[in-house]
Amino acid sequence: MNVGILRILAHNMRKGSRTRRPEETVPFPEGYRGILSHDPALCTGCATCVYVCSPSALRVREVKGEGMIWTYAGSHCSYCGQCAAFCPTGAIRLEASAPSVAIFSWSHDKRAVIPYLACPACGRPHIPLPPRIEDRVYGAELPEQTRDLPLLCEACRRKEYGEKIARNYPGKE
């Protein structure tokens, strides 16, 4: 019986190593949910990601007069992908790469500040619509009369739309 084991060992040793080298990584499958990526330029601070995050890995808090602070605790994340699926602007994505092994759990944490800008019409601080949303709502080329609408705060945008509808209403003199 020992001879059989020795024969198998000798056969395996002649074949060489069957282990992958570090540079020979296995490709990630389609739809792999890995490292969380956040683009503050697309974020509006709506907190939809916070609402759908079961393990409470995401938080959004307001700093009066300055903007919104978005934080991610990587040690709490279950990589379910709900934050990316429900993000209305596409600011959150899960990359097809695995998080590195870390000694400290906070090494995967992320933080971003989404600053307020002054509304051109009323001066109220707000977070304007990102260009990607403008393209989705208005199309690639905005008409001249609507170019400034995404920069307006929600109240001024609503007022401007209402006035535009009233001006174009056929029964109005």
N, C-alpha and C. Protein backbone atom coordinates (compact mmCIF):
# COMPACT_ATOMS: atom_id res chain seq x y z
N MET A 1 0.82 -1.18 0.00
CA MET A 1 0.00 0.00 0.00
C MET A 1 0.87 1.26 0.00
N ASN A 2 1.96 1.25 0.74
CA ASN A 2 2.86 2.39 0.76
C ASN A 2 3.47 2.64 -0.60
N VAL A 3 3.65 1.59 -1.38
CA VAL A 3 4.24 1.73 -2.71
C VAL A 3 3.31 2.56 -3.60
N GLY A 4 2.01 2.39 -3.46
CA GLY A 4 1.05 3.15 -4.26
C GLY A 4 1.13 4.65 -3.96
N ILE A 5 1.30 4.97 -2.70
CA ILE A 5 1.41 6.38 -2.32
C ILE A 5 2.70 6.97 -2.86
N LEU A 6 3.79 6.24 -2.77
CA LEU A 6 5.07 6.73 -3.28
C LEU A 6 5.00 6.94 -4.79
N ARG A 7 4.33 6.03 -5.49
CA ARG A 7 4.18 6.16 -6.94
C ARG A 7 3.39 7.44 -7.28
N ILE A 8 2.30 7.71 -6.54
CA ILE A 8 1.49 8.92 -6.77
C ILE A 8 2.32 10.17 -6.49
N LEU A 9 3.07 10.16 -5.38
CA LEU A 9 3.92 11.31 -5.04
C LEU A 9 4.98 11.56 -6.12
N ALA A 10 5.62 10.50 -6.58
CA ALA A 10 6.65 10.64 -7.62
C ALA A 10 6.02 11.17 -8.90
N HIS A 11 4.86 10.68 -9.26
CA HIS A 11 4.15 11.15 -10.47
C HIS A 11 3.82 12.65 -10.35
N ASN A 12 3.31 13.04 -9.20
CA ASN A 12 2.95 14.45 -9.00
C ASN A 12 4.18 15.35 -9.00
N MET A 13 5.27 14.89 -8.48
CA MET A 13 6.49 15.71 -8.43
C MET A 13 7.09 15.88 -9.82
N ARG A 14 6.99 14.87 -10.67
CA ARG A 14 7.50 14.99 -12.05
C ARG A 14 6.67 15.96 -12.87
N LYS A 15 5.37 16.07 -12.57
CA LYS A 15 4.46 16.94 -13.30
C LYS A 15 4.73 18.42 -13.04
N GLY A 16 5.26 18.74 -11.92
CA GLY A 16 5.51 20.14 -11.58
C GLY A 16 4.34 20.74 -10.82
N SER A 17 4.50 21.98 -10.47
CA SER A 17 3.49 22.67 -9.66
C SER A 17 2.23 22.92 -10.48
N ARG A 18 1.07 22.75 -9.84
CA ARG A 18 -0.20 23.05 -10.49
C ARG A 18 -0.87 24.25 -9.83
N THR A 19 -0.12 24.97 -9.05
CA THR A 19 -0.65 26.13 -8.36
C THR A 19 -0.45 27.36 -9.24
N ARG A 20 -1.41 28.26 -9.25
CA ARG A 20 -1.28 29.49 -10.02
C ARG A 20 -0.26 30.40 -9.36
N ARG A 21 0.47 31.11 -10.21
CA ARG A 21 1.41 32.11 -9.72
C ARG A 21 0.62 33.37 -9.38
N PRO A 22 1.14 34.26 -8.54
CA PRO A 22 0.41 35.47 -8.15
C PRO A 22 -0.06 36.33 -9.32
N GLU A 23 0.73 36.40 -10.36
CA GLU A 23 0.33 37.22 -11.53
C GLU A 23 -0.71 36.53 -12.41
N GLU A 24 -0.95 35.24 -12.20
CA GLU A 24 -1.94 34.50 -12.97
C GLU A 24 -3.27 34.49 -12.23
N THR A 25 -3.88 35.67 -12.11
CA THR A 25 -5.13 35.75 -11.35
C THR A 25 -6.30 35.18 -12.16
N VAL A 26 -7.26 34.69 -11.43
CA VAL A 26 -8.47 34.17 -12.05
C VAL A 26 -9.35 35.36 -12.41
N PRO A 27 -9.89 35.40 -13.64
CA PRO A 27 -10.75 36.54 -13.99
C PRO A 27 -12.03 36.53 -13.15
N PHE A 28 -12.49 37.74 -12.82
CA PHE A 28 -13.71 37.85 -12.05
C PHE A 28 -14.91 37.55 -12.94
N PRO A 29 -15.91 36.85 -12.44
CA PRO A 29 -17.09 36.53 -13.25
C PRO A 29 -17.93 37.79 -13.53
N GLU A 30 -18.75 37.72 -14.54
CA GLU A 30 -19.66 38.81 -14.90
C GLU A 30 -20.57 39.12 -13.71
N GLY A 31 -20.71 40.40 -13.39
CA GLY A 31 -21.57 40.80 -12.29
C GLY A 31 -20.95 40.68 -10.91
N TYR A 32 -19.62 40.46 -10.85
CA TYR A 32 -18.94 40.33 -9.56
C TYR A 32 -19.06 41.65 -8.80
N ARG A 33 -19.39 41.58 -7.53
CA ARG A 33 -19.55 42.77 -6.69
C ARG A 33 -18.36 42.86 -5.75
N GLY A 34 -17.42 43.74 -6.08
CA GLY A 34 -16.21 43.89 -5.28
C GLY A 34 -16.12 45.24 -4.62
N ILE A 35 -14.99 45.90 -4.79
CA ILE A 35 -14.70 47.17 -4.12
C ILE A 35 -15.72 48.23 -4.51
N LEU A 36 -16.22 48.95 -3.50
CA LEU A 36 -17.18 50.02 -3.73
C LEU A 36 -16.45 51.26 -4.23
N SER A 37 -16.99 51.86 -5.28
CA SER A 37 -16.44 53.07 -5.86
C SER A 37 -17.52 54.16 -5.80
N HIS A 38 -17.15 55.35 -5.34
CA HIS A 38 -18.10 56.46 -5.21
C HIS A 38 -17.55 57.68 -5.93
N ASP A 39 -18.36 58.29 -6.79
CA ASP A 39 -17.97 59.48 -7.52
C ASP A 39 -18.71 60.69 -6.93
N PRO A 40 -18.04 61.53 -6.12
CA PRO A 40 -18.71 62.67 -5.50
C PRO A 40 -19.27 63.67 -6.50
N ALA A 41 -18.70 63.72 -7.71
CA ALA A 41 -19.20 64.66 -8.73
C ALA A 41 -20.59 64.28 -9.21
N LEU A 42 -20.98 63.01 -9.07
CA LEU A 42 -22.31 62.56 -9.48
C LEU A 42 -23.28 62.46 -8.32
N CYS A 43 -22.78 62.55 -7.10
CA CYS A 43 -23.62 62.38 -5.91
C CYS A 43 -24.40 63.65 -5.60
N THR A 44 -25.68 63.48 -5.29
CA THR A 44 -26.52 64.61 -4.90
C THR A 44 -26.84 64.59 -3.41
N GLY A 45 -26.33 63.62 -2.67
CA GLY A 45 -26.60 63.53 -1.24
C GLY A 45 -28.02 63.14 -0.92
N CYS A 46 -28.69 62.43 -1.83
CA CYS A 46 -30.10 62.08 -1.64
C CYS A 46 -30.31 61.02 -0.56
N ALA A 47 -29.27 60.28 -0.20
CA ALA A 47 -29.28 59.26 0.85
C ALA A 47 -30.10 58.02 0.50
N THR A 48 -30.38 57.79 -0.76
CA THR A 48 -31.05 56.55 -1.16
C THR A 48 -30.19 55.35 -0.81
N CYS A 49 -28.88 55.49 -0.99
CA CYS A 49 -27.96 54.40 -0.67
C CYS A 49 -28.02 54.05 0.82
N VAL A 50 -28.16 55.05 1.67
CA VAL A 50 -28.25 54.83 3.11
C VAL A 50 -29.53 54.06 3.44
N TYR A 51 -30.60 54.42 2.79
CA TYR A 51 -31.90 53.78 3.03
C TYR A 51 -31.89 52.29 2.68
N VAL A 52 -31.22 51.92 1.57
CA VAL A 52 -31.26 50.52 1.13
C VAL A 52 -30.13 49.68 1.70
N CYS A 53 -29.20 50.28 2.44
CA CYS A 53 -28.05 49.55 2.99
C CYS A 53 -28.44 48.86 4.29
N SER A 54 -28.65 47.55 4.24
CA SER A 54 -29.05 46.79 5.42
C SER A 54 -28.00 46.79 6.53
N PRO A 55 -26.71 46.59 6.23
CA PRO A 55 -25.73 46.56 7.32
C PRO A 55 -25.28 47.94 7.80
N SER A 56 -25.90 49.00 7.31
CA SER A 56 -25.56 50.38 7.70
C SER A 56 -24.11 50.73 7.44
N ALA A 57 -23.61 50.34 6.28
CA ALA A 57 -22.23 50.66 5.90
C ALA A 57 -22.13 52.08 5.34
N LEU A 58 -23.25 52.67 4.94
CA LEU A 58 -23.25 54.00 4.34
C LEU A 58 -23.97 54.99 5.24
N ARG A 59 -23.46 56.21 5.24
CA ARG A 59 -24.09 57.29 6.00
C ARG A 59 -23.94 58.58 5.20
N VAL A 60 -24.95 59.43 5.30
CA VAL A 60 -24.91 60.77 4.71
C VAL A 60 -25.39 61.73 5.79
N ARG A 61 -24.59 62.75 6.04
CA ARG A 61 -25.01 63.76 7.01
C ARG A 61 -24.76 65.14 6.44
N GLU A 62 -25.60 66.07 6.87
CA GLU A 62 -25.52 67.43 6.37
C GLU A 62 -24.69 68.28 7.31
N VAL A 63 -23.83 69.12 6.73
CA VAL A 63 -23.09 70.12 7.47
C VAL A 63 -23.67 71.45 7.02
N LYS A 64 -24.39 72.12 7.91
CA LYS A 64 -25.11 73.35 7.56
C LYS A 64 -24.21 74.34 6.82
N GLY A 65 -24.70 74.78 5.66
CA GLY A 65 -24.01 75.78 4.88
C GLY A 65 -22.84 75.28 4.06
N GLU A 66 -22.36 74.07 4.31
CA GLU A 66 -21.19 73.55 3.59
C GLU A 66 -21.55 72.49 2.56
N GLY A 67 -22.35 71.52 2.95
CA GLY A 67 -22.70 70.44 2.03
C GLY A 67 -23.05 69.16 2.77
N MET A 68 -22.92 68.06 2.05
CA MET A 68 -23.23 66.75 2.60
C MET A 68 -21.92 65.96 2.71
N ILE A 69 -21.83 65.15 3.77
CA ILE A 69 -20.67 64.27 3.94
C ILE A 69 -21.16 62.84 3.80
N TRP A 70 -20.60 62.14 2.82
CA TRP A 70 -20.95 60.75 2.51
C TRP A 70 -19.82 59.89 3.07
N THR A 71 -20.17 58.87 3.87
CA THR A 71 -19.15 57.98 4.42
C THR A 71 -19.52 56.52 4.19
N TYR A 72 -18.49 55.71 4.04
CA TYR A 72 -18.64 54.27 3.79
C TYR A 72 -17.73 53.52 4.75
N ALA A 73 -18.30 52.58 5.49
CA ALA A 73 -17.54 51.72 6.40
C ALA A 73 -17.40 50.35 5.74
N GLY A 74 -16.24 50.10 5.15
CA GLY A 74 -16.00 48.86 4.42
C GLY A 74 -16.13 47.61 5.26
N SER A 75 -15.85 47.72 6.56
CA SER A 75 -15.94 46.55 7.43
C SER A 75 -17.39 46.13 7.68
N HIS A 76 -18.34 47.00 7.42
CA HIS A 76 -19.76 46.68 7.63
C HIS A 76 -20.41 46.17 6.34
N CYS A 77 -19.80 46.43 5.20
CA CYS A 77 -20.40 46.14 3.90
C CYS A 77 -20.54 44.64 3.64
N SER A 78 -21.69 44.25 3.12
CA SER A 78 -21.91 42.84 2.75
C SER A 78 -21.80 42.65 1.24
N TYR A 79 -21.48 43.72 0.50
CA TYR A 79 -21.30 43.69 -0.96
C TYR A 79 -22.55 43.15 -1.68
N CYS A 80 -23.72 43.54 -1.18
CA CYS A 80 -24.97 43.07 -1.79
C CYS A 80 -25.28 43.83 -3.08
N GLY A 81 -24.76 45.04 -3.22
CA GLY A 81 -24.96 45.82 -4.44
C GLY A 81 -26.22 46.65 -4.48
N GLN A 82 -26.99 46.68 -3.40
CA GLN A 82 -28.23 47.46 -3.40
C GLN A 82 -27.97 48.95 -3.52
N CYS A 83 -26.89 49.43 -2.92
CA CYS A 83 -26.57 50.86 -3.00
C CYS A 83 -26.33 51.27 -4.45
N ALA A 84 -25.60 50.46 -5.20
CA ALA A 84 -25.33 50.76 -6.60
C ALA A 84 -26.58 50.61 -7.46
N ALA A 85 -27.38 49.62 -7.16
CA ALA A 85 -28.59 49.38 -7.95
C ALA A 85 -29.60 50.51 -7.80
N PHE A 86 -29.69 51.10 -6.62
CA PHE A 86 -30.69 52.13 -6.38
C PHE A 86 -30.17 53.55 -6.47
N CYS A 87 -28.89 53.75 -6.68
CA CYS A 87 -28.33 55.11 -6.78
C CYS A 87 -28.89 55.77 -8.05
N PRO A 88 -29.67 56.86 -7.91
CA PRO A 88 -30.32 57.44 -9.09
C PRO A 88 -29.36 58.13 -10.07
N THR A 89 -28.17 58.48 -9.60
CA THR A 89 -27.23 59.18 -10.48
C THR A 89 -26.09 58.30 -10.97
N GLY A 90 -25.98 57.09 -10.45
CA GLY A 90 -24.88 56.21 -10.83
C GLY A 90 -23.58 56.58 -10.14
N ALA A 91 -23.66 57.29 -9.01
CA ALA A 91 -22.46 57.72 -8.29
C ALA A 91 -21.77 56.55 -7.60
N ILE A 92 -22.51 55.47 -7.32
CA ILE A 92 -21.94 54.31 -6.63
C ILE A 92 -21.88 53.13 -7.60
N ARG A 93 -20.71 52.48 -7.61
CA ARG A 93 -20.51 51.28 -8.42
C ARG A 93 -19.73 50.27 -7.58
N LEU A 94 -19.94 49.00 -7.86
CA LEU A 94 -19.11 47.97 -7.25
C LEU A 94 -18.19 47.45 -8.35
N GLU A 95 -16.91 47.66 -8.17
CA GLU A 95 -15.90 47.30 -9.18
C GLU A 95 -15.68 45.80 -9.21
N ALA A 96 -15.18 45.32 -10.32
CA ALA A 96 -14.87 43.90 -10.47
C ALA A 96 -13.44 43.64 -9.98
N SER A 97 -13.21 43.95 -8.71
CA SER A 97 -11.93 43.67 -8.09
C SER A 97 -12.17 43.41 -6.61
N ALA A 98 -11.38 42.53 -6.06
CA ALA A 98 -11.57 42.14 -4.67
C ALA A 98 -10.87 43.12 -3.75
N PRO A 99 -11.46 43.40 -2.60
CA PRO A 99 -10.77 44.25 -1.63
C PRO A 99 -9.53 43.55 -1.12
N SER A 100 -8.48 44.31 -0.90
CA SER A 100 -7.25 43.71 -0.42
C SER A 100 -7.43 43.25 1.03
N VAL A 101 -6.63 42.30 1.40
CA VAL A 101 -6.66 41.82 2.77
C VAL A 101 -6.05 42.93 3.62
N ALA A 102 -6.72 43.29 4.68
CA ALA A 102 -6.25 44.40 5.50
C ALA A 102 -6.20 44.00 6.96
N ILE A 103 -5.20 44.50 7.63
CA ILE A 103 -5.08 44.25 9.06
C ILE A 103 -6.08 45.10 9.81
N PHE A 104 -6.25 46.35 9.36
CA PHE A 104 -7.15 47.28 10.02
C PHE A 104 -8.44 47.38 9.22
N SER A 105 -9.57 47.23 9.90
CA SER A 105 -10.86 47.24 9.20
C SER A 105 -11.16 48.60 8.58
N TRP A 106 -10.63 49.67 9.14
CA TRP A 106 -10.93 51.00 8.63
C TRP A 106 -10.18 51.32 7.36
N SER A 107 -9.30 50.46 6.91
CA SER A 107 -8.51 50.76 5.70
C SER A 107 -9.37 50.76 4.44
N HIS A 108 -10.57 50.18 4.48
CA HIS A 108 -11.47 50.18 3.31
C HIS A 108 -12.50 51.30 3.38
N ASP A 109 -12.48 52.08 4.44
CA ASP A 109 -13.45 53.16 4.61
C ASP A 109 -13.20 54.28 3.60
N LYS A 110 -14.29 54.95 3.21
CA LYS A 110 -14.20 56.06 2.27
C LYS A 110 -15.03 57.22 2.81
N ARG A 111 -14.65 58.42 2.40
CA ARG A 111 -15.36 59.63 2.82
C ARG A 111 -15.30 60.62 1.67
N ALA A 112 -16.42 61.29 1.42
CA ALA A 112 -16.47 62.30 0.37
C ALA A 112 -17.35 63.45 0.83
N VAL A 113 -16.96 64.65 0.45
CA VAL A 113 -17.74 65.84 0.75
C VAL A 113 -18.40 66.30 -0.55
N ILE A 114 -19.71 66.45 -0.52
CA ILE A 114 -20.46 66.96 -1.67
C ILE A 114 -20.84 68.39 -1.32
N PRO A 115 -20.13 69.39 -1.88
CA PRO A 115 -20.32 70.78 -1.45
C PRO A 115 -21.60 71.39 -2.00
N TYR A 116 -22.15 72.31 -1.21
CA TYR A 116 -23.28 73.10 -1.67
C TYR A 116 -22.76 74.20 -2.60
N LEU A 117 -23.58 74.55 -3.59
CA LEU A 117 -23.32 75.69 -4.46
C LEU A 117 -24.49 76.64 -4.31
N ALA A 118 -24.26 77.91 -4.56
CA ALA A 118 -25.34 78.90 -4.46
C ALA A 118 -26.21 78.83 -5.70
N CYS A 119 -27.52 78.86 -5.50
CA CYS A 119 -28.47 78.89 -6.61
C CYS A 119 -28.30 80.22 -7.34
N PRO A 120 -28.17 80.21 -8.68
CA PRO A 120 -27.99 81.46 -9.41
C PRO A 120 -29.19 82.41 -9.29
N ALA A 121 -30.38 81.88 -9.02
CA ALA A 121 -31.58 82.72 -8.96
C ALA A 121 -31.80 83.31 -7.57
N CYS A 122 -31.73 82.49 -6.51
CA CYS A 122 -32.07 82.97 -5.17
C CYS A 122 -30.89 82.98 -4.20
N GLY A 123 -29.79 82.34 -4.56
CA GLY A 123 -28.61 82.32 -3.70
C GLY A 123 -28.63 81.27 -2.61
N ARG A 124 -29.70 80.48 -2.52
CA ARG A 124 -29.82 79.43 -1.51
C ARG A 124 -28.80 78.31 -1.79
N PRO A 125 -28.10 77.81 -0.76
CA PRO A 125 -27.15 76.72 -0.99
C PRO A 125 -27.89 75.42 -1.32
N HIS A 126 -27.38 74.70 -2.31
CA HIS A 126 -27.98 73.43 -2.72
C HIS A 126 -26.94 72.62 -3.49
N ILE A 127 -27.28 71.37 -3.79
CA ILE A 127 -26.42 70.53 -4.62
C ILE A 127 -27.10 70.44 -5.98
N PRO A 128 -26.46 70.98 -7.04
CA PRO A 128 -27.10 70.96 -8.36
C PRO A 128 -27.13 69.55 -8.96
N LEU A 129 -27.97 69.38 -9.96
CA LEU A 129 -28.04 68.10 -10.65
C LEU A 129 -26.73 67.83 -11.38
N PRO A 130 -26.19 66.63 -11.30
CA PRO A 130 -24.95 66.32 -12.02
C PRO A 130 -25.21 66.23 -13.53
N PRO A 131 -24.17 66.46 -14.34
CA PRO A 131 -24.33 66.43 -15.80
C PRO A 131 -24.94 65.13 -16.33
N ARG A 132 -24.63 63.99 -15.72
CA ARG A 132 -25.17 62.71 -16.20
C ARG A 132 -26.69 62.70 -16.11
N ILE A 133 -27.24 63.28 -15.04
CA ILE A 133 -28.69 63.35 -14.88
C ILE A 133 -29.27 64.32 -15.90
N GLU A 134 -28.58 65.43 -16.14
CA GLU A 134 -29.03 66.39 -17.15
C GLU A 134 -29.18 65.69 -18.50
N ASP A 135 -28.18 64.90 -18.87
CA ASP A 135 -28.22 64.18 -20.15
C ASP A 135 -29.38 63.21 -20.20
N ARG A 136 -29.62 62.50 -19.06
CA ARG A 136 -30.71 61.52 -19.01
C ARG A 136 -32.07 62.21 -19.12
N VAL A 137 -32.23 63.35 -18.48
CA VAL A 137 -33.51 64.05 -18.45
C VAL A 137 -33.75 64.87 -19.71
N TYR A 138 -32.74 65.63 -20.11
CA TYR A 138 -32.93 66.59 -21.21
C TYR A 138 -32.39 66.12 -22.55
N GLY A 139 -31.56 65.09 -22.58
CA GLY A 139 -30.91 64.69 -23.82
C GLY A 139 -29.50 65.24 -23.84
N ALA A 140 -28.73 64.86 -24.83
CA ALA A 140 -27.32 65.25 -24.89
C ALA A 140 -27.15 66.75 -25.09
N GLU A 141 -27.96 67.36 -25.90
CA GLU A 141 -27.84 68.79 -26.18
C GLU A 141 -29.02 69.53 -25.56
N LEU A 142 -28.74 70.35 -24.55
CA LEU A 142 -29.81 71.09 -23.88
C LEU A 142 -30.23 72.28 -24.74
N PRO A 143 -31.55 72.54 -24.84
CA PRO A 143 -32.00 73.75 -25.54
C PRO A 143 -31.50 74.99 -24.80
N GLU A 144 -31.31 76.07 -25.52
CA GLU A 144 -30.77 77.31 -24.95
C GLU A 144 -31.54 77.78 -23.72
N GLN A 145 -32.88 77.72 -23.77
CA GLN A 145 -33.70 78.24 -22.67
C GLN A 145 -33.67 77.35 -21.43
N THR A 146 -33.16 76.12 -21.52
CA THR A 146 -33.12 75.23 -20.35
C THR A 146 -31.70 74.95 -19.86
N ARG A 147 -30.69 75.59 -20.40
CA ARG A 147 -29.30 75.30 -20.01
C ARG A 147 -29.02 75.58 -18.55
N ASP A 148 -29.65 76.62 -17.97
CA ASP A 148 -29.38 76.98 -16.58
C ASP A 148 -30.27 76.25 -15.58
N LEU A 149 -31.30 75.53 -16.03
CA LEU A 149 -32.23 74.87 -15.11
C LEU A 149 -31.55 73.88 -14.15
N PRO A 150 -30.61 73.04 -14.59
CA PRO A 150 -29.98 72.10 -13.66
C PRO A 150 -29.17 72.79 -12.56
N LEU A 151 -28.76 74.03 -12.78
CA LEU A 151 -27.98 74.75 -11.77
C LEU A 151 -28.86 75.36 -10.68
N LEU A 152 -30.16 75.49 -10.95
CA LEU A 152 -31.09 76.10 -10.00
C LEU A 152 -31.42 75.14 -8.87
N CYS A 153 -31.79 75.70 -7.72
CA CYS A 153 -32.25 74.86 -6.61
C CYS A 153 -33.63 74.29 -6.98
N GLU A 154 -34.09 73.35 -6.20
CA GLU A 154 -35.35 72.67 -6.51
C GLU A 154 -36.53 73.65 -6.58
N ALA A 155 -36.60 74.58 -5.63
CA ALA A 155 -37.72 75.54 -5.60
C ALA A 155 -37.70 76.46 -6.82
N CYS A 156 -36.53 76.97 -7.18
CA CYS A 156 -36.42 77.86 -8.35
C CYS A 156 -36.67 77.10 -9.65
N ARG A 157 -36.21 75.85 -9.70
CA ARG A 157 -36.44 75.03 -10.89
C ARG A 157 -37.93 74.77 -11.07
N ARG A 158 -38.62 74.45 -9.97
CA ARG A 158 -40.07 74.23 -10.01
C ARG A 158 -40.79 75.50 -10.46
N LYS A 159 -40.39 76.65 -9.94
CA LYS A 159 -41.00 77.93 -10.30
C LYS A 159 -40.77 78.24 -11.78
N GLU A 160 -39.55 78.00 -12.25
CA GLU A 160 -39.21 78.27 -13.66
C GLU A 160 -40.02 77.37 -14.60
N TYR A 161 -40.15 76.08 -14.25
CA TYR A 161 -40.96 75.17 -15.06
C TYR A 161 -42.42 75.63 -15.10
N GLY A 162 -42.95 76.00 -13.93
CA GLY A 162 -44.35 76.47 -13.87
C GLY A 162 -44.57 77.70 -14.73
N GLU A 163 -43.65 78.66 -14.66
CA GLU A 163 -43.77 79.86 -15.48
C GLU A 163 -43.67 79.54 -16.97
N LYS A 164 -42.81 78.60 -17.31
CA LYS A 164 -42.66 78.21 -18.72
C LYS A 164 -43.94 77.55 -19.23
N ILE A 165 -44.54 76.69 -18.42
CA ILE A 165 -45.80 76.05 -18.82
C ILE A 165 -46.89 77.11 -18.96
N ALA A 166 -46.95 78.04 -18.01
CA ALA A 166 -47.96 79.11 -18.06
C ALA A 166 -47.79 79.98 -19.31
N ARG A 167 -46.55 80.30 -19.68
CA ARG A 167 -46.30 81.12 -20.89
C ARG A 167 -46.73 80.40 -22.16
N ASN A 168 -46.56 79.08 -22.17
CA ASN A 168 -46.85 78.30 -23.39
C ASN A 168 -48.26 77.72 -23.41
N TYR A 169 -49.06 77.98 -22.37
CA TYR A 169 -50.41 77.45 -22.31
C TYR A 169 -51.28 78.18 -23.34
N PRO A 170 -51.99 77.47 -24.23
CA PRO A 170 -52.73 78.12 -25.34
C PRO A 170 -53.84 79.06 -24.90
N GLY A 171 -54.50 78.92 -23.78
CA GLY A 171 -55.62 79.78 -23.38
C GLY A 171 -55.18 81.01 -22.64
N LYS A 172 -53.91 81.14 -22.32
CA LYS A 172 -53.39 82.23 -21.51
C LYS A 172 -53.08 83.44 -22.37
N GLU A 173 -53.49 84.62 -21.94
CA GLU A 173 -53.20 85.84 -22.70
C GLU A 173 -52.09 86.63 -22.09
